[in-house]
Amino acid sequence: MTIRLRIVAGVLIGSFAAGILAQVPAGLPFDASKHPNPIVTWVESKNFKTATFAEAVAQVAMDTLSLSQDEGRRESVEVANPSPGRQRVRMLGENVDVTFYPVMRQNYKLKSGHSFVLYTFRFPRALTAAEVLNGVAFGRPVRGETPRFGSVPVPDRIEIRGTPGLYFENPKQRSAYWFELGAGHAATTDAPKDEFFEVLDDLL
């Protein structure tokens, strides 16, 4: 299959898969000591720099969501830029060219005192099919390759804000991922699960 056909196939398969399960974006294997969550792995936590809301939206060039003041207070906005923007990522035994884009991060303090962090990003452009991206995430890893989600258990595939999404949980932190308004969104919190989903539903 040529590169052009593979890209077209990826778009078609991605559109079909969107009604079935969340399309996992291309990314490096998750490393909890470096990356902010299991989805956003093309930038590191240390890469985020303070920005105004308008500056951050301009850099990611995507519509974003925000939390109402009824739920919490936004404490800061940050942006991280991947370096380099174009990288080769090992997927199912092949090196795949991927273009990564900036990530916007909004940090909130919930009324309950818990933290809530919202990430917004343009979907990475990978020269491969959508089925390969999900195969890397949910299939058995090729020998010698680190799983897409690292040592984190495979997430639950559930509906988030009316769309297919992913839910990760450990004793200290919960994370969710979904696609909305043409952008990828990931959220993390130390709040209980029930509160987390109430907050997610409140995003505007």
C-alpha atoms as a PDB file:
ATOM      1  CA  MET A   1       0.000   0.000   0.000  1.00  0.00           C
ATOM      2  CA  THR A   2       1.412   3.407  -0.941  1.00  0.00           C
ATOM      3  CA  ILE A   3       1.740   6.194   1.615  1.00  0.00           C
ATOM      4  CA  ARG A   4      -1.110   8.134  -0.044  1.00  0.00           C
ATOM      5  CA  LEU A   5      -3.436   5.114   0.103  1.00  0.00           C
ATOM      6  CA  ARG A   6      -2.426   4.354   3.678  1.00  0.00           C
ATOM      7  CA  ILE A   7      -3.308   7.898   4.764  1.00  0.00           C
ATOM      8  CA  VAL A   8      -6.691   7.708   3.017  1.00  0.00           C
ATOM      9  CA  ALA A   9      -7.326   4.317   4.568  1.00  0.00           C
ATOM     10  CA  GLY A  10      -6.472   5.730   7.956  1.00  0.00           C
ATOM     11  CA  VAL A  11      -9.011   8.510   7.557  1.00  0.00           C
ATOM     12  CA  LEU A  12     -11.757   6.138   6.418  1.00  0.00           C
ATOM     13  CA  ILE A  13     -11.062   3.548   9.080  1.00  0.00           C
ATOM     14  CA  GLY A  14     -10.795   6.275  11.712  1.00  0.00           C
ATOM     15  CA  SER A  15     -14.213   7.641  10.759  1.00  0.00           C
ATOM     16  CA  PHE A  16     -15.744   4.196  10.961  1.00  0.00           C
ATOM     17  CA  ALA A  17     -13.934   3.319  14.198  1.00  0.00           C
ATOM     18  CA  ALA A  18     -15.060   6.540  15.854  1.00  0.00           C
ATOM     19  CA  GLY A  19     -18.502   5.036  16.251  1.00  0.00           C
ATOM     20  CA  ILE A  20     -17.059   1.945  17.901  1.00  0.00           C
ATOM     21  CA  LEU A  21     -14.087   2.906  20.059  1.00  0.00           C
ATOM     22  CA  ALA A  22     -11.827   5.848  20.744  1.00  0.00           C
ATOM     23  CA  GLN A  23      -9.051   6.284  18.201  1.00  0.00           C
ATOM     24  CA  VAL A  24      -5.766   6.258  20.082  1.00  0.00           C
ATOM     25  CA  PRO A  25      -3.339   8.930  18.829  1.00  0.00           C
ATOM     26  CA  ALA A  26       0.204   8.030  17.880  1.00  0.00           C
ATOM     27  CA  GLY A  27       2.666   8.571  20.682  1.00  0.00           C
ATOM     28  CA  LEU A  28       5.768   7.299  22.408  1.00  0.00           C
ATOM     29  CA  PRO A  29       5.369   4.557  25.040  1.00  0.00           C
ATOM     30  CA  PHE A  30       4.064   6.069  28.266  1.00  0.00           C
ATOM     31  CA  ASP A  31       6.637   6.702  31.003  1.00  0.00           C
ATOM     32  CA  ALA A  32       5.024   7.970  34.223  1.00  0.00           C
ATOM     33  CA  SER A  33       8.278   9.665  35.262  1.00  0.00           C
ATOM     34  CA  LYS A  34       8.236  11.856  32.135  1.00  0.00           C
ATOM     35  CA  HIS A  35       4.813  12.112  30.562  1.00  0.00           C
ATOM     36  CA  PRO A  36       1.732  13.892  31.954  1.00  0.00           C
ATOM     37  CA  ASN A  37      -0.686  11.031  31.211  1.00  0.00           C
ATOM     38  CA  PRO A  38      -0.879   7.791  29.172  1.00  0.00           C
ATOM     39  CA  ILE A  39      -2.231   9.574  26.070  1.00  0.00           C
ATOM     40  CA  VAL A  40      -0.056  12.705  25.809  1.00  0.00           C
ATOM     41  CA  THR A  41       3.412  11.207  25.474  1.00  0.00           C
ATOM     42  CA  TRP A  42       5.014  13.333  22.724  1.00  0.00           C
ATOM     43  CA  VAL A  43       5.790  16.097  25.223  1.00  0.00           C
ATOM     44  CA  GLU A  44       7.134  15.771  28.756  1.00  0.00           C
ATOM     45  CA  SER A  45       5.717  17.336  31.912  1.00  0.00           C
ATOM     46  CA  LYS A  46       8.807  19.555  32.200  1.00  0.00           C
ATOM     47  CA  ASN A  47       8.159  21.038  28.727  1.00  0.00           C
ATOM     48  CA  PHE A  48       5.040  22.994  29.730  1.00  0.00           C
ATOM     49  CA  LYS A  49       5.476  26.768  29.861  1.00  0.00           C
ATOM     50  CA  THR A  50       3.058  29.359  31.240  1.00  0.00           C
ATOM     51  CA  ALA A  51       0.942  31.188  28.632  1.00  0.00           C
ATOM     52  CA  THR A  52      -2.209  33.250  28.444  1.00  0.00           C
ATOM     53  CA  PHE A  53      -5.391  31.468  27.425  1.00  0.00           C
ATOM     54  CA  ALA A  54      -5.422  33.284  24.069  1.00  0.00           C
ATOM     55  CA  GLU A  55      -1.762  32.433  23.379  1.00  0.00           C
ATOM     56  CA  ALA A  56      -2.356  28.763  24.175  1.00  0.00           C
ATOM     57  CA  VAL A  57      -5.428  28.499  21.944  1.00  0.00           C
ATOM     58  CA  ALA A  58      -3.514  30.166  19.107  1.00  0.00           C
ATOM     59  CA  GLN A  59      -0.628  27.709  19.414  1.00  0.00           C
ATOM     60  CA  VAL A  60      -2.729  24.548  19.446  1.00  0.00           C
ATOM     61  CA  ALA A  61      -5.052  26.023  16.775  1.00  0.00           C
ATOM     62  CA  MET A  62      -7.935  23.971  18.112  1.00  0.00           C
ATOM     63  CA  ASP A  63     -11.224  24.736  19.844  1.00  0.00           C
ATOM     64  CA  THR A  64     -10.883  23.898  23.517  1.00  0.00           C
ATOM     65  CA  LEU A  65     -13.140  23.323  26.487  1.00  0.00           C
ATOM     66  CA  SER A  66     -13.167  25.047  29.865  1.00  0.00           C
ATOM     67  CA  LEU A  67     -14.551  24.358  33.304  1.00  0.00           C
ATOM     68  CA  SER A  68     -17.306  26.544  34.727  1.00  0.00           C
ATOM     69  CA  GLN A  69     -16.684  28.538  37.893  1.00  0.00           C
ATOM     70  CA  ASP A  70     -19.392  26.458  39.557  1.00  0.00           C
ATOM     71  CA  GLU A  71     -17.007  23.498  39.546  1.00  0.00           C
ATOM     72  CA  GLY A  72     -13.597  25.060  40.107  1.00  0.00           C
ATOM     73  CA  ARG A  73     -11.068  27.833  39.557  1.00  0.00           C
ATOM     74  CA  ARG A  74      -8.526  27.867  36.741  1.00  0.00           C
ATOM     75  CA  GLU A  75      -5.116  28.490  38.280  1.00  0.00           C
ATOM     76  CA  SER A  76      -2.916  28.513  35.187  1.00  0.00           C
ATOM     77  CA  VAL A  77      -2.644  27.804  31.464  1.00  0.00           C
ATOM     78  CA  GLU A  78       0.432  26.258  29.838  1.00  0.00           C
ATOM     79  CA  VAL A  79       1.663  25.032  26.465  1.00  0.00           C
ATOM     80  CA  ALA A  80       4.249  22.389  25.570  1.00  0.00           C
ATOM     81  CA  ASN A  81       5.825  22.057  22.128  1.00  0.00           C
ATOM     82  CA  PRO A  82       7.152  18.715  20.892  1.00  0.00           C
ATOM     83  CA  SER A  83      10.821  18.709  19.947  1.00  0.00           C
ATOM     84  CA  PRO A  84      11.275  17.734  17.233  1.00  0.00           C
ATOM     85  CA  GLY A  85       7.771  18.067  15.803  1.00  0.00           C
ATOM     86  CA  ARG A  86       8.340  15.219  13.356  1.00  0.00           C
ATOM     87  CA  GLN A  87       9.587  11.950  14.773  1.00  0.00           C
ATOM     88  CA  ARG A  88       9.851   8.282  13.858  1.00  0.00           C
ATOM     89  CA  VAL A  89       7.912   6.025  16.195  1.00  0.00           C
ATOM     90  CA  ARG A  90       8.279   2.250  16.277  1.00  0.00           C
ATOM     91  CA  MET A  91       4.892   0.592  15.680  1.00  0.00           C
ATOM     92  CA  LEU A  92       4.314  -3.117  15.174  1.00  0.00           C
ATOM     93  CA  GLY A  93       7.873  -3.617  14.010  1.00  0.00           C
ATOM     94  CA  GLU A  94       7.943  -0.641  11.610  1.00  0.00           C
ATOM     95  CA  ASN A  95       9.263   2.921  11.913  1.00  0.00           C
ATOM     96  CA  VAL A  96       6.371   5.305  11.281  1.00  0.00           C
ATOM     97  CA  ASP A  97       6.781   9.023  10.560  1.00  0.00           C
ATOM     98  CA  VAL A  98       4.582  11.060  12.905  1.00  0.00           C
ATOM     99  CA  THR A  99       4.045  14.823  13.095  1.00  0.00           C
ATOM    100  CA  PHE A 100       3.225  15.981  16.612  1.00  0.00           C
ATOM    101  CA  TYR A 101       1.637  19.301  17.570  1.00  0.00           C
ATOM    102  CA  PRO A 102       1.621  21.565  20.660  1.00  0.00           C
ATOM    103  CA  VAL A 103      -0.401  20.615  23.723  1.00  0.00           C
ATOM    104  CA  MET A 104      -2.410  23.074  25.831  1.00  0.00           C
ATOM    105  CA  ARG A 105      -2.823  22.428  29.556  1.00  0.00           C
ATOM    106  CA  GLN A 106      -5.345  24.076  31.885  1.00  0.00           C
ATOM    107  CA  ASN A 107      -4.813  23.570  35.619  1.00  0.00           C
ATOM    108  CA  TYR A 108      -7.848  23.832  37.882  1.00  0.00           C
ATOM    109  CA  LYS A 109      -8.556  23.603  41.597  1.00  0.00           C
ATOM    110  CA  LEU A 110     -11.968  22.043  42.118  1.00  0.00           C
ATOM    111  CA  LYS A 111     -14.415  23.306  44.736  1.00  0.00           C
ATOM    112  CA  SER A 112     -13.719  20.082  46.630  1.00  0.00           C
ATOM    113  CA  GLY A 113     -10.006  20.942  46.785  1.00  0.00           C
ATOM    114  CA  HIS A 114      -8.957  18.260  44.293  1.00  0.00           C
ATOM    115  CA  SER A 115      -6.937  19.011  41.183  1.00  0.00           C
ATOM    116  CA  PHE A 116      -8.275  18.797  37.630  1.00  0.00           C
ATOM    117  CA  VAL A 117      -6.016  19.157  34.598  1.00  0.00           C
ATOM    118  CA  LEU A 118      -7.316  19.406  31.030  1.00  0.00           C
ATOM    119  CA  TYR A 119      -5.122  18.811  27.955  1.00  0.00           C
ATOM    120  CA  THR A 120      -6.128  19.808  24.410  1.00  0.00           C
ATOM    121  CA  PHE A 121      -4.204  18.955  21.249  1.00  0.00           C
ATOM    122  CA  ARG A 122      -4.363  18.467  17.504  1.00  0.00           C
ATOM    123  CA  PHE A 123      -4.441  14.778  16.614  1.00  0.00           C
ATOM    124  CA  PRO A 124      -0.898  13.684  15.602  1.00  0.00           C
ATOM    125  CA  ARG A 125      -0.490  12.986  11.890  1.00  0.00           C
ATOM    126  CA  ALA A 126       0.832   9.463  11.417  1.00  0.00           C
ATOM    127  CA  LEU A 127       1.666   7.873   8.059  1.00  0.00           C
ATOM    128  CA  THR A 128      -0.188   4.688   8.894  1.00  0.00           C
ATOM    129  CA  ALA A 129      -3.726   3.351   9.200  1.00  0.00           C
ATOM    130  CA  ALA A 130      -6.049   3.898  12.163  1.00  0.00           C
ATOM    131  CA  GLU A 131      -6.177   0.148  12.752  1.00  0.00           C
ATOM    132  CA  VAL A 132      -2.405   0.148  13.297  1.00  0.00           C
ATOM    133  CA  LEU A 133      -2.643   2.882  15.956  1.00  0.00           C
ATOM    134  CA  ASN A 134      -5.271   0.979  17.911  1.00  0.00           C
ATOM    135  CA  GLY A 135      -3.426  -2.275  17.322  1.00  0.00           C
ATOM    136  CA  VAL A 136      -0.348  -0.771  18.972  1.00  0.00           C
ATOM    137  CA  ALA A 137      -2.467   0.375  21.928  1.00  0.00           C
ATOM    138  CA  PHE A 138      -4.615  -2.691  22.517  1.00  0.00           C
ATOM    139  CA  GLY A 139      -2.852  -5.596  20.823  1.00  0.00           C
ATOM    140  CA  ARG A 140       0.010  -7.733  22.039  1.00  0.00           C
ATOM    141  CA  PRO A 141       3.260  -5.764  21.644  1.00  0.00           C
ATOM    142  CA  VAL A 142       5.869  -6.922  19.171  1.00  0.00           C
ATOM    143  CA  ARG A 143       8.850  -8.531  20.867  1.00  0.00           C
ATOM    144  CA  GLY A 144      11.315  -5.894  21.972  1.00  0.00           C
ATOM    145  CA  GLU A 145       8.785  -3.024  21.844  1.00  0.00           C
ATOM    146  CA  THR A 146       7.360  -1.246  24.885  1.00  0.00           C
ATOM    147  CA  PRO A 147       3.527  -1.124  24.943  1.00  0.00           C
ATOM    148  CA  ARG A 148       1.888   2.187  23.985  1.00  0.00           C
ATOM    149  CA  PHE A 149       0.598   2.624  27.547  1.00  0.00           C
ATOM    150  CA  GLY A 150       3.819   1.412  29.152  1.00  0.00           C
ATOM    151  CA  SER A 151       3.244  -0.554  32.358  1.00  0.00           C
ATOM    152  CA  VAL A 152      -0.257   0.926  32.808  1.00  0.00           C
ATOM    153  CA  PRO A 153      -3.093  -1.590  32.381  1.00  0.00           C
ATOM    154  CA  VAL A 154      -5.109  -1.297  29.169  1.00  0.00           C
ATOM    155  CA  PRO A 155      -7.820   1.337  29.803  1.00  0.00           C
ATOM    156  CA  ASP A 156     -11.565   0.807  29.901  1.00  0.00           C
ATOM    157  CA  ARG A 157     -13.293   1.721  26.642  1.00  0.00           C
ATOM    158  CA  ILE A 158     -16.285   3.755  27.729  1.00  0.00           C
ATOM    159  CA  GLU A 159     -18.413   6.690  26.587  1.00  0.00           C
ATOM    160  CA  ILE A 160     -17.179  10.103  27.686  1.00  0.00           C
ATOM    161  CA  ARG A 161     -19.274  13.186  26.960  1.00  0.00           C
ATOM    162  CA  GLY A 162     -21.322  11.208  24.453  1.00  0.00           C
ATOM    163  CA  THR A 163     -18.344   9.971  22.435  1.00  0.00           C
ATOM    164  CA  PRO A 164     -16.114   6.857  22.572  1.00  0.00           C
ATOM    165  CA  GLY A 165     -13.377   7.381  25.134  1.00  0.00           C
ATOM    166  CA  LEU A 166     -10.785   5.745  27.340  1.00  0.00           C
ATOM    167  CA  TYR A 167     -10.597   5.670  31.128  1.00  0.00           C
ATOM    168  CA  PHE A 168      -7.435   4.967  33.153  1.00  0.00           C
ATOM    169  CA  GLU A 169      -7.362   4.542  36.907  1.00  0.00           C
ATOM    170  CA  ASN A 170      -4.811   3.916  39.643  1.00  0.00           C
ATOM    171  CA  PRO A 171      -5.038   4.447  43.423  1.00  0.00           C
ATOM    172  CA  LYS A 172      -3.803   8.046  43.154  1.00  0.00           C
ATOM    173  CA  GLN A 173      -5.015   9.363  39.805  1.00  0.00           C
ATOM    174  CA  ARG A 174      -7.739   8.990  37.214  1.00  0.00           C
ATOM    175  CA  SER A 175      -7.388   9.941  33.528  1.00  0.00           C
ATOM    176  CA  ALA A 176      -9.798  10.132  30.606  1.00  0.00           C
ATOM    177  CA  TYR A 177      -9.383  10.660  26.878  1.00  0.00           C
ATOM    178  CA  TRP A 178     -11.897  11.540  24.156  1.00  0.00           C
ATOM    179  CA  PHE A 179     -12.218  13.439  20.840  1.00  0.00           C
ATOM    180  CA  GLU A 180     -14.491  16.504  20.614  1.00  0.00           C
ATOM    181  CA  LEU A 181     -14.715  19.756  18.599  1.00  0.00           C
ATOM    182  CA  GLY A 182     -12.135  18.365  16.193  1.00  0.00           C
ATOM    183  CA  ALA A 183      -9.496  18.048  18.919  1.00  0.00           C
ATOM    184  CA  GLY A 184      -8.159  15.432  21.285  1.00  0.00           C
ATOM    185  CA  HIS A 185      -8.772  16.013  24.984  1.00  0.00           C
ATOM    186  CA  ALA A 186      -7.292  14.279  28.000  1.00  0.00           C
ATOM    187  CA  ALA A 187      -8.033  15.018  31.646  1.00  0.00           C
ATOM    188  CA  THR A 188      -6.430  13.905  34.891  1.00  0.00           C
ATOM    189  CA  THR A 189      -7.517  14.316  38.503  1.00  0.00           C
ATOM    190  CA  ASP A 190      -6.978  13.056  42.030  1.00  0.00           C
ATOM    191  CA  ALA A 191     -10.714  13.387  42.704  1.00  0.00           C
ATOM    192  CA  PRO A 192     -12.922  10.295  43.170  1.00  0.00           C
ATOM    193  CA  LYS A 193     -14.334   8.694  40.019  1.00  0.00           C
ATOM    194  CA  ASP A 194     -17.906   9.956  40.505  1.00  0.00           C
ATOM    195  CA  GLU A 195     -16.733  13.541  40.978  1.00  0.00           C
ATOM    196  CA  PHE A 196     -14.383  13.241  38.006  1.00  0.00           C
ATOM    197  CA  PHE A 197     -17.191  12.319  35.632  1.00  0.00           C
ATOM    198  CA  GLU A 198     -19.452  15.032  36.988  1.00  0.00           C
ATOM    199  CA  VAL A 199     -16.708  17.559  36.246  1.00  0.00           C
ATOM    200  CA  LEU A 200     -16.153  16.147  32.754  1.00  0.00           C
ATOM    201  CA  ASP A 201     -19.851  16.564  31.993  1.00  0.00           C
ATOM    202  CA  ASP A 202     -19.646  20.188  33.142  1.00  0.00           C
ATOM    203  CA  LEU A 203     -16.971  21.164  30.603  1.00  0.00           C
ATOM    204  CA  LEU A 204     -18.151  23.860  28.194  1.00  0.00           C
END
